[in-house]
C-alpha atoms as a PDB file:
ATOM      1  CA  MET A   1      33.166  -7.506  16.974  1.00  0.00           C
ATOM      2  CA  PRO A   2      29.502  -6.329  17.776  1.00  0.00           C
ATOM      3  CA  GLU A   3      28.241  -8.343  14.820  1.00  0.00           C
ATOM      4  CA  GLN A   4      29.957 -11.567  16.154  1.00  0.00           C
ATOM      5  CA  ARG A   5      28.345 -11.054  19.494  1.00  0.00           C
ATOM      6  CA  LYS A   6      24.940 -10.692  17.884  1.00  0.00           C
ATOM      7  CA  ARG A   7      25.580 -13.939  15.917  1.00  0.00           C
ATOM      8  CA  ARG A   8      26.632 -15.812  19.004  1.00  0.00           C
ATOM      9  CA  ARG A   9      23.835 -14.628  20.919  1.00  0.00           C
ATOM     10  CA  SER A  10      21.255 -15.584  18.094  1.00  0.00           C
ATOM     11  CA  ARG A  11      22.833 -19.062  17.907  1.00  0.00           C
ATOM     12  CA  SER A  12      22.790 -19.721  21.558  1.00  0.00           C
ATOM     13  CA  ALA A  13      19.203 -18.453  21.642  1.00  0.00           C
ATOM     14  CA  SER A  14      18.040 -20.960  19.055  1.00  0.00           C
ATOM     15  CA  LYS A  15      19.748 -23.633  21.107  1.00  0.00           C
ATOM     16  CA  LEU A  16      21.306 -25.028  17.867  1.00  0.00           C
ATOM     17  CA  PRO A  17      24.840 -25.586  17.061  1.00  0.00           C
ATOM     18  CA  ALA A  18      26.474 -23.493  14.454  1.00  0.00           C
ATOM     19  CA  HIS A  19      26.387 -26.092  11.548  1.00  0.00           C
ATOM     20  CA  GLU A  20      22.746 -26.965  12.239  1.00  0.00           C
ATOM     21  CA  LEU A  21      21.736 -23.367  12.338  1.00  0.00           C
ATOM     22  CA  ASP A  22      23.453 -22.770   8.912  1.00  0.00           C
ATOM     23  CA  GLU A  23      21.730 -25.928   7.583  1.00  0.00           C
ATOM     24  CA  ALA A  24      18.390 -24.516   8.868  1.00  0.00           C
ATOM     25  CA  GLN A  25      18.869 -21.272   7.183  1.00  0.00           C
ATOM     26  CA  ARG A  26      19.905 -22.984   3.933  1.00  0.00           C
ATOM     27  CA  LEU A  27      16.767 -25.042   4.087  1.00  0.00           C
ATOM     28  CA  GLU A  28      14.596 -22.015   4.831  1.00  0.00           C
ATOM     29  CA  ALA A  29      16.198 -20.112   1.958  1.00  0.00           C
ATOM     30  CA  GLU A  30      15.548 -22.999  -0.518  1.00  0.00           C
ATOM     31  CA  ARG A  31      11.890 -23.243   0.731  1.00  0.00           C
ATOM     32  CA  ILE A  32      11.314 -19.528   0.192  1.00  0.00           C
ATOM     33  CA  ALA A  33      12.945 -19.872  -3.354  1.00  0.00           C
ATOM     34  CA  PHE A  34      10.626 -22.741  -4.139  1.00  0.00           C
ATOM     35  CA  ILE A  35       7.521 -20.897  -3.120  1.00  0.00           C
ATOM     36  CA  ALA A  36       8.700 -17.751  -5.177  1.00  0.00           C
ATOM     37  CA  LYS A  37       9.290 -19.965  -8.145  1.00  0.00           C
ATOM     38  CA  GLN A  38       5.798 -21.594  -7.793  1.00  0.00           C
ATOM     39  CA  ALA A  39       4.203 -18.167  -7.341  1.00  0.00           C
ATOM     40  CA  GLU A  40       6.038 -16.949 -10.550  1.00  0.00           C
ATOM     41  CA  GLU A  41       4.818 -20.068 -12.587  1.00  0.00           C
ATOM     42  CA  ARG A  42       1.221 -19.467 -11.351  1.00  0.00           C
ATOM     43  CA  ALA A  43       1.434 -15.755 -12.298  1.00  0.00           C
ATOM     44  CA  ALA A  44       2.833 -16.618 -15.915  1.00  0.00           C
ATOM     45  CA  GLU A  45       0.079 -19.173 -16.369  1.00  0.00           C
ATOM     46  CA  ARG A  46      -2.607 -16.683 -15.327  1.00  0.00           C
ATOM     47  CA  ARG A  47      -1.038 -14.027 -17.681  1.00  0.00           C
ATOM     48  CA  ALA A  48      -1.098 -16.506 -20.640  1.00  0.00           C
ATOM     49  CA  LYS A  49      -4.674 -17.379 -19.798  1.00  0.00           C
ATOM     50  CA  ASP A  50      -5.629 -13.720 -19.577  1.00  0.00           C
ATOM     51  CA  SER A  51      -3.984 -12.927 -22.953  1.00  0.00           C
ATOM     52  CA  LYS A  52      -5.687 -15.882 -24.493  1.00  0.00           C
ATOM     53  CA  THR A  53      -9.040 -14.982 -23.277  1.00  0.00           C
ATOM     54  CA  SER A  54      -8.618 -11.292 -24.160  1.00  0.00           C
ATOM     55  CA  PHE A  55      -7.542 -12.203 -27.724  1.00  0.00           C
ATOM     56  CA  LEU A  56     -10.607 -14.508 -28.080  1.00  0.00           C
ATOM     57  CA  GLN A  57     -12.821 -11.599 -26.725  1.00  0.00           C
ATOM     58  CA  SER A  58     -11.289  -9.192 -29.127  1.00  0.00           C
ATOM     59  CA  LYS A  59     -12.438 -11.523 -31.924  1.00  0.00           C
ATOM     60  CA  HIS A  60     -15.919 -11.569 -30.503  1.00  0.00           C
ATOM     61  CA  VAL A  61     -18.168  -9.150 -32.555  1.00  0.00           C
ATOM     62  CA  THR A  62     -21.490  -8.022 -31.204  1.00  0.00           C
ATOM     63  CA  THR A  63     -24.186  -7.213 -33.384  1.00  0.00           C
ATOM     64  CA  GLY A  64     -27.243  -4.924 -32.753  1.00  0.00           C
ATOM     65  CA  GLU A  65     -27.736  -1.422 -31.765  1.00  0.00           C
ATOM     66  CA  ARG A  66     -26.739  -0.027 -28.440  1.00  0.00           C
ATOM     67  CA  LYS A  67     -29.574   0.917 -26.282  1.00  0.00           C
ATOM     68  CA  LEU A  68     -29.275   4.687 -25.542  1.00  0.00           C
ATOM     69  CA  PRO A  69     -30.662   6.171 -22.399  1.00  0.00           C
ATOM     70  CA  MET A  70     -33.904   8.025 -23.048  1.00  0.00           C
ATOM     71  CA  LYS A  71     -35.188  11.343 -21.917  1.00  0.00           C
ATOM     72  CA  ILE A  72     -38.528  11.497 -20.114  1.00  0.00           C
ATOM     73  CA  GLU A  73     -40.259  13.059 -23.252  1.00  0.00           C
ATOM     74  CA  GLU A  74     -38.913  10.205 -25.389  1.00  0.00           C
ATOM     75  CA  ALA A  75     -40.086   7.515 -22.965  1.00  0.00           C
ATOM     76  CA  SER A  76     -43.512   7.308 -24.636  1.00  0.00           C
ATOM     77  CA  VAL A  77     -42.153   6.379 -28.050  1.00  0.00           C
ATOM     78  CA  VAL A  78     -39.919   3.396 -27.506  1.00  0.00           C
ATOM     79  CA  PRO A  79     -38.551   1.715 -30.430  1.00  0.00           C
ATOM     80  CA  ASP A  80     -38.567  -2.190 -30.268  1.00  0.00           C
ATOM     81  CA  THR A  81     -34.906  -3.237 -30.171  1.00  0.00           C
ATOM     82  CA  SER A  82     -35.535  -6.430 -28.276  1.00  0.00           C
ATOM     83  CA  ASN A  83     -34.515  -8.506 -31.343  1.00  0.00           C
ATOM     84  CA  SER A  84     -31.420  -6.405 -32.200  1.00  0.00           C
ATOM     85  CA  MET A  85     -29.952  -6.558 -28.710  1.00  0.00           C
ATOM     86  CA  PRO A  86     -27.523  -9.468 -28.086  1.00  0.00           C
ATOM     87  CA  LYS A  87     -29.163 -11.768 -25.379  1.00  0.00           C
ATOM     88  CA  PHE A  88     -25.745 -12.984 -23.788  1.00  0.00           C
ATOM     89  CA  ARG A  89     -22.939 -10.761 -23.176  1.00  0.00           C
ATOM     90  CA  SER A  90     -19.587 -11.979 -22.080  1.00  0.00           C
ATOM     91  CA  LYS A  91     -18.403 -11.211 -18.388  1.00  0.00           C
ATOM     92  CA  ALA A  92     -15.674  -8.810 -19.889  1.00  0.00           C
ATOM     93  CA  GLN A  93     -18.395  -7.000 -21.772  1.00  0.00           C
ATOM     94  CA  ARG A  94     -20.562  -6.550 -18.799  1.00  0.00           C
ATOM     95  CA  GLU A  95     -17.518  -5.409 -16.795  1.00  0.00           C
ATOM     96  CA  LYS A  96     -16.640  -2.947 -19.458  1.00  0.00           C
ATOM     97  CA  ASP A  97     -20.176  -1.449 -19.668  1.00  0.00           C
ATOM     98  CA  ALA A  98     -20.332  -1.329 -15.704  1.00  0.00           C
ATOM     99  CA  LEU A  99     -16.980   0.580 -15.798  1.00  0.00           C
ATOM    100  CA  ALA A 100     -18.259   2.969 -18.410  1.00  0.00           C
ATOM    101  CA  ARG A 101     -21.432   3.715 -16.479  1.00  0.00           C
ATOM    102  CA  LEU A 102     -19.387   4.182 -13.230  1.00  0.00           C
ATOM    103  CA  GLU A 103     -16.926   6.612 -15.157  1.00  0.00           C
ATOM    104  CA  LYS A 104     -19.970   8.492 -16.549  1.00  0.00           C
ATOM    105  CA  LYS A 105     -21.554   8.877 -12.928  1.00  0.00           C
ATOM    106  CA  GLN A 106     -18.266  10.126 -11.752  1.00  0.00           C
ATOM    107  CA  GLN A 107     -18.196  12.734 -14.358  1.00  0.00           C
ATOM    108  CA  GLU A 108     -21.689  13.881 -13.336  1.00  0.00           C
ATOM    109  CA  VAL A 109     -20.617  14.097  -9.778  1.00  0.00           C
ATOM    110  CA  LYS A 110     -17.555  16.323 -10.681  1.00  0.00           C
ATOM    111  CA  HIS A 111     -19.722  18.592 -12.767  1.00  0.00           C
ATOM    112  CA  LEU A 112     -22.174  18.937  -9.892  1.00  0.00           C
ATOM    113  CA  ILE A 113     -19.376  19.604  -7.338  1.00  0.00           C
ATOM    114  CA  PHE A 114     -17.948  22.259  -9.616  1.00  0.00           C
ATOM    115  CA  SER A 115     -21.189  23.801 -10.323  1.00  0.00           C
ATOM    116  CA  ILE A 116     -21.837  24.120  -6.493  1.00  0.00           C
ATOM    117  CA  ILE A 117     -18.440  25.497  -5.840  1.00  0.00           C
ATOM    118  CA  SER A 118     -18.644  28.209  -8.467  1.00  0.00           C
END
């Protein structure tokens, strides 16, 4: 009985007859289903595009030596690696390098914290 009272109150509160309220709820459910379907299609397209670009990037071969960080003593003797370094790097490669630098800094911070604690 309490559920029926709630239903009656909600219908009277919306000022719609019962059959129109059911129709409105059905239309709202269809709209939500349509939006969810569109979102899923967009996500599938994005995943397909991402997998295609990652496949193409995995085929990309970079040539040249990696530039290693130098110590202060070695700074006076700098080898000329300007010709061997690739001039253009892909966005994914730049992000990968930035992530590696960030992880290295995090490791350094962890070591500093542990050395301070101990």
